[in-house]
Amino acid sequence: MKIIFHHVPKAAGSTFSASLYCHYRPDEVFRVGGKKKNERLTILEQLNKGRRKRLRAILSHMPFGAHRIVGEECLYYSIVRDPVKRATSLYRYILSEPSHYLNSHCIKSGSIIEFVNHPQANEMRNEMTRYFLYPEQMDTDETVHDHHLALAIENIENHFPSVGLLERYDESIVLFGSIYQHKPLYYLRLNKTTGAAHPLSDSEIQALSKANSIDIKLYDYLRERFERQLGATQINVPVDIDRFKLRNRIYGKALFLIRVFIFKLREKLTLGR
């Protein structure tokens, strides 16, 4: 059984990825960055069959469909975020990162209202829904409509036993442990966008909500699904959630750092051979 973490940008994916991959050997993990999203499935496909066979964890920003390439039974994880907050965080990240391919467009736009409607800034508009679609399910102009939402929900129901919520991260981790039947994934928050965020004006919220109207519908669906799943388990809320938070604070973060250090050391030794 392989696991695939479907990493939606700016939704605590770096934190969750590290919580997952540190439990494996470097040669069992597929991670790729620095390429365009649509190229990452191709990179996975181009791995030799022996390397793909050894993989146990696949973690990357990539279009939906990695399970079709590895050709084995897979369990998908993902975490989503309030769409307006996600777009705001992405905007702040792009604005602060000169190497990002949209940085110059972002600066020239002058405001988040202008940038969210920029022709090149597809990532700011309904990107969460796009992440749950097979490449062939997308229109050529990458716009997202209600029929895409229906397809995304169908893909989620068929392949994602659960989808977590960033706003309820600790509950998501405990729920994952119950549904996927594994030990708690302790964590330390990584890759958090720096800098103070100014409160959004009503006009900014309205513009972001309009540009992400399909994502808002998807998020509402996933939030209701999350509530149903949480209620259907034996998890005692808030007792079990508070217990996880306490354990993560007392020793979980240290355990997480030790595991990541060992993984990175093994990775370095493997590359040095």
Protein backbone atom coordinates (compact mmCIF):
# COMPACT_ATOMS: atom_id res chain seq x y z
CA MET A 1 0.00 0.00 0.00
CA LYS A 2 1.37 3.39 -1.01
CA ILE A 3 0.31 6.72 0.42
CA ILE A 4 -0.08 9.89 -1.62
CA PHE A 5 -0.22 13.27 0.06
CA HIS A 6 -2.04 15.58 -2.32
CA HIS A 7 -0.39 18.85 -1.37
CA VAL A 8 -2.68 21.84 -1.90
CA PRO A 9 -0.51 25.00 -1.73
CA LYS A 10 -0.66 27.19 1.39
CA ALA A 11 -2.63 24.66 3.44
CA ALA A 12 -0.01 23.39 5.94
CA GLY A 13 1.27 20.90 3.37
CA SER A 14 4.95 21.29 4.24
CA THR A 15 4.20 20.53 7.88
CA PHE A 16 2.10 17.48 7.08
CA SER A 17 4.51 16.21 4.40
CA ALA A 18 7.38 16.19 6.89
CA SER A 19 5.21 14.39 9.46
CA LEU A 20 4.65 11.67 6.88
CA TYR A 21 7.95 11.26 5.07
CA CYS A 22 10.12 11.11 8.20
CA HIS A 23 8.61 7.66 8.89
CA TYR A 24 10.17 6.24 5.70
CA ARG A 25 13.58 5.72 4.14
CA PRO A 26 14.63 8.33 1.55
CA ASP A 27 14.47 5.81 -1.30
CA GLU A 28 10.85 5.07 -0.36
CA VAL A 29 9.76 8.70 -0.75
CA PHE A 30 9.01 10.67 -3.91
CA ARG A 31 9.22 14.45 -3.53
CA VAL A 32 9.76 16.88 -6.35
CA GLY A 33 9.72 20.66 -6.38
CA GLY A 34 10.97 23.49 -8.54
CA LYS A 35 9.01 22.33 -11.56
CA LYS A 36 5.66 23.39 -12.95
CA LYS A 37 2.77 21.51 -11.38
CA ASN A 38 1.82 19.71 -14.59
CA GLU A 39 5.39 18.46 -15.07
CA ARG A 40 5.52 16.59 -11.77
CA LEU A 41 3.30 13.71 -12.84
CA THR A 42 5.58 13.32 -15.86
CA ILE A 43 8.65 13.16 -13.60
CA LEU A 44 6.96 10.46 -11.52
CA GLU A 45 6.06 8.57 -14.68
CA GLN A 46 9.65 8.75 -15.92
CA LEU A 47 11.09 7.07 -12.84
CA ASN A 48 12.32 3.58 -13.63
CA LYS A 49 9.95 0.80 -12.63
CA GLY A 50 12.23 -0.44 -9.85
CA ARG A 51 12.32 2.99 -8.21
CA ARG A 52 8.55 3.38 -8.52
CA LYS A 53 8.05 -0.08 -7.03
CA ARG A 54 10.09 0.85 -3.94
CA LEU A 55 8.09 4.00 -3.29
CA ARG A 56 5.85 3.99 -0.24
CA ALA A 57 5.08 7.70 0.02
CA ILE A 58 4.44 10.25 -2.76
CA LEU A 59 4.29 13.88 -1.69
CA SER A 60 4.18 16.84 -4.03
CA HIS A 61 2.21 19.69 -5.55
CA MET A 62 0.93 17.81 -8.58
CA PRO A 63 -2.30 17.27 -10.49
CA PHE A 64 -4.56 14.49 -9.26
CA GLY A 65 -3.86 11.05 -10.69
CA ALA A 66 -0.55 9.78 -9.29
CA HIS A 67 -2.23 6.48 -8.39
CA ARG A 68 -2.72 5.72 -12.09
CA ILE A 69 1.03 5.98 -12.66
CA VAL A 70 2.22 3.81 -9.77
CA GLY A 71 -0.40 1.23 -10.70
CA GLU A 72 -0.98 -0.01 -7.16
CA GLU A 73 -3.53 0.49 -4.44
CA CYS A 74 -2.99 3.89 -2.84
CA LEU A 75 -4.36 5.87 0.07
CA TYR A 76 -4.75 9.59 -0.54
CA TYR A 77 -4.38 12.28 2.10
CA SER A 78 -5.03 15.98 1.66
CA ILE A 79 -5.63 19.13 3.69
CA VAL A 80 -7.61 22.15 2.52
CA ARG A 81 -8.07 25.67 3.84
CA ASP A 82 -10.64 28.44 3.88
CA PRO A 83 -10.34 29.66 0.26
CA VAL A 84 -10.16 33.37 1.05
CA LYS A 85 -7.45 32.79 3.67
CA ARG A 86 -5.58 30.47 1.31
CA ALA A 87 -5.59 33.04 -1.50
CA THR A 88 -4.49 35.76 0.91
CA SER A 89 -1.59 33.66 2.19
CA LEU A 90 -0.58 32.79 -1.37
CA TYR A 91 -0.64 36.47 -2.34
CA ARG A 92 1.61 37.39 0.59
CA TYR A 93 3.99 34.55 -0.28
CA ILE A 94 4.24 35.51 -3.96
CA LEU A 95 4.73 39.17 -3.06
CA SER A 96 7.59 38.32 -0.69
CA GLU A 97 9.33 35.74 -2.90
CA PRO A 98 11.32 37.30 -5.79
CA SER A 99 11.99 33.89 -7.36
CA HIS A 100 8.29 33.10 -7.77
CA TYR A 101 7.26 33.24 -11.42
CA LEU A 102 4.32 35.51 -10.55
CA ASN A 103 6.26 37.93 -8.35
CA SER A 104 6.66 40.68 -10.96
CA HIS A 105 2.97 40.44 -11.95
CA CYS A 106 2.03 40.61 -8.29
CA ILE A 107 4.11 43.73 -7.68
CA LYS A 108 2.81 45.47 -10.80
CA SER A 109 -0.79 44.71 -9.88
CA GLY A 110 -0.43 46.81 -6.77
CA SER A 111 -3.26 45.22 -4.80
CA ILE A 112 -4.74 41.83 -4.04
CA ILE A 113 -7.96 42.83 -5.83
CA GLU A 114 -6.07 43.52 -9.05
CA PHE A 115 -3.85 40.46 -8.72
CA VAL A 116 -6.63 37.94 -8.07
CA ASN A 117 -8.06 38.86 -11.48
CA HIS A 118 -4.72 38.85 -13.32
CA PRO A 119 -4.86 36.48 -16.34
CA GLN A 120 -1.68 34.69 -15.26
CA ALA A 121 -2.72 34.23 -11.62
CA ASN A 122 -4.80 31.05 -11.97
CA GLU A 123 -3.41 29.83 -8.63
CA MET A 124 -5.38 32.61 -6.91
CA ARG A 125 -8.70 31.43 -8.36
CA ASN A 126 -10.36 28.13 -7.41
CA GLU A 127 -7.02 26.33 -7.19
CA MET A 128 -8.22 23.89 -4.56
CA THR A 129 -10.89 22.49 -6.85
CA ARG A 130 -8.37 22.26 -9.66
CA TYR A 131 -6.13 20.09 -7.45
CA PHE A 132 -8.78 17.39 -7.18
CA LEU A 133 -9.26 17.01 -10.93
CA TYR A 134 -7.53 14.69 -13.35
CA PRO A 135 -5.58 16.71 -15.97
CA GLU A 136 -8.00 15.64 -18.70
CA GLN A 137 -10.96 16.88 -16.63
CA MET A 138 -9.75 20.47 -16.84
CA ASP A 139 -10.75 22.87 -19.59
CA THR A 140 -7.87 24.13 -21.74
CA ASP A 141 -8.12 27.63 -20.26
CA GLU A 142 -8.09 26.15 -16.71
CA THR A 143 -11.22 28.00 -15.65
CA VAL A 144 -13.34 26.23 -13.03
CA HIS A 145 -17.10 25.84 -13.11
CA ASP A 146 -19.80 23.95 -11.22
CA HIS A 147 -19.39 20.82 -13.34
CA HIS A 148 -15.73 20.74 -12.27
CA LEU A 149 -16.88 20.87 -8.66
CA ALA A 150 -19.02 17.78 -9.23
CA LEU A 151 -16.05 15.96 -10.75
CA ALA A 152 -13.77 16.99 -7.88
CA ILE A 153 -16.26 15.72 -5.31
CA GLU A 154 -16.58 12.42 -7.17
CA ASN A 155 -12.78 12.02 -7.18
CA ILE A 156 -12.62 12.79 -3.47
CA GLU A 157 -15.34 10.29 -2.62
CA ASN A 158 -13.62 7.60 -4.68
CA HIS A 159 -10.03 8.12 -3.52
CA PHE A 160 -9.75 10.20 -0.32
CA PRO A 161 -10.87 8.40 2.86
CA SER A 162 -10.60 11.77 4.60
CA VAL A 163 -9.59 15.36 3.84
CA GLY A 164 -8.33 17.50 6.71
CA LEU A 165 -8.96 21.18 7.44
CA LEU A 166 -6.10 23.54 8.21
CA GLU A 167 -8.33 25.54 10.55
CA ARG A 168 -8.83 22.34 12.56
CA TYR A 169 -5.41 20.82 12.10
CA ASP A 170 -5.13 18.91 15.38
CA GLU A 171 -8.59 17.43 14.94
CA SER A 172 -7.60 16.46 11.40
CA ILE A 173 -4.50 14.63 12.60
CA VAL A 174 -6.49 12.70 15.21
CA LEU A 175 -9.17 11.90 12.63
CA PHE A 176 -6.53 10.69 10.16
CA GLY A 177 -5.15 8.37 12.84
CA SER A 178 -8.61 6.88 13.35
CA ILE A 179 -9.54 6.51 9.68
CA TYR A 180 -6.16 5.44 8.30
CA GLN A 181 -5.32 3.36 11.38
CA HIS A 182 -1.88 4.73 12.24
CA LYS A 183 -0.19 6.40 15.18
CA PRO A 184 -0.49 10.18 15.67
CA LEU A 185 1.59 12.27 13.28
CA TYR A 186 3.34 14.71 15.61
CA TYR A 187 4.46 17.96 14.02
CA LEU A 188 6.20 21.29 14.19
CA ARG A 189 4.76 24.07 12.03
CA LEU A 190 6.92 24.56 8.89
CA ASN A 191 7.03 27.01 5.98
CA LYS A 192 4.69 29.51 7.57
CA THR A 193 4.32 32.70 5.53
CA THR A 194 6.19 35.43 7.40
CA GLY A 195 5.16 39.01 8.01
CA ALA A 196 2.08 40.49 9.60
CA ALA A 197 -1.09 40.20 7.56
CA HIS A 198 -3.25 43.30 7.42
CA PRO A 199 -6.96 42.70 7.90
CA LEU A 200 -8.81 42.39 4.61
CA SER A 201 -11.26 45.12 3.68
CA ASP A 202 -14.83 44.24 2.77
CA SER A 203 -14.06 44.89 -0.90
CA GLU A 204 -11.02 42.59 -0.77
CA ILE A 205 -13.02 39.81 0.87
CA GLN A 206 -15.74 40.24 -1.73
CA ALA A 207 -13.26 40.09 -4.63
CA LEU A 208 -11.51 36.99 -3.26
CA SER A 209 -14.82 35.29 -2.51
CA LYS A 210 -16.08 35.94 -6.03
CA ALA A 211 -12.85 34.69 -7.61
CA ASN A 212 -12.97 31.53 -5.45
CA SER A 213 -16.69 30.84 -5.48
CA ILE A 214 -16.25 27.19 -6.55
CA ASP A 215 -13.55 26.59 -3.94
CA ILE A 216 -15.88 27.97 -1.29
CA LYS A 217 -18.52 25.42 -2.30
CA LEU A 218 -15.89 22.65 -2.22
CA TYR A 219 -14.67 23.77 1.19
CA ASP A 220 -18.21 23.83 2.57
CA TYR A 221 -18.75 20.28 1.30
CA LEU A 222 -15.46 19.07 2.80
CA ARG A 223 -16.18 20.78 6.11
CA GLU A 224 -19.56 19.02 6.35
CA ARG A 225 -17.92 15.72 5.38
CA PHE A 226 -15.25 16.28 8.04
CA GLU A 227 -17.94 16.85 10.70
CA ARG A 228 -19.78 13.68 9.69
CA GLN A 229 -16.62 11.60 9.79
CA LEU A 230 -15.54 13.01 13.14
CA GLY A 231 -18.96 12.23 14.59
CA ALA A 232 -18.92 8.69 13.21
CA THR A 233 -15.64 7.72 14.92
CA GLN A 234 -14.91 6.79 18.53
CA ILE A 235 -12.95 10.03 18.99
CA ASN A 236 -13.93 11.81 22.19
CA VAL A 237 -14.05 15.53 21.39
CA PRO A 238 -12.49 17.53 22.97
CA VAL A 239 -10.74 15.05 25.32
CA ASP A 240 -8.80 13.13 22.66
CA ILE A 241 -7.92 16.32 20.78
CA ASP A 242 -6.62 18.00 23.93
CA ARG A 243 -4.61 14.87 24.77
CA PHE A 244 -2.97 14.94 21.34
CA LYS A 245 -2.17 18.66 21.68
CA LEU A 246 -0.58 18.06 25.07
CA ARG A 247 1.53 15.14 23.86
CA ASN A 248 2.60 17.06 20.77
CA ARG A 249 3.64 20.00 22.94
CA ILE A 250 5.49 17.91 25.56
CA TYR A 251 7.41 15.46 23.37
CA GLY A 252 5.84 15.25 19.90
CA LYS A 253 7.69 18.23 18.42
CA ALA A 254 11.04 16.90 19.66
CA LEU A 255 10.25 13.44 18.25
CA PHE A 256 9.28 15.04 14.95
CA LEU A 257 12.60 16.95 14.74
CA ILE A 258 14.60 13.83 15.54
CA ARG A 259 12.82 11.83 12.84
CA VAL A 260 13.30 14.56 10.23
CA PHE A 261 16.99 14.89 11.18
CA ILE A 262 17.52 11.14 10.76
CA PHE A 263 15.67 11.19 7.42
CA LYS A 264 17.78 14.12 6.13
CA LEU A 265 20.98 12.42 7.29
CA ARG A 266 20.03 9.19 5.51
CA GLU A 267 19.10 11.19 2.43
CA LYS A 268 22.49 12.93 2.44
CA LEU A 269 24.34 9.64 2.87
CA THR A 270 22.32 8.07 0.04
CA LEU A 271 23.14 10.95 -2.34
CA GLY A 272 26.79 10.77 -1.35
CA ARG A 273 27.20 7.17 -2.46
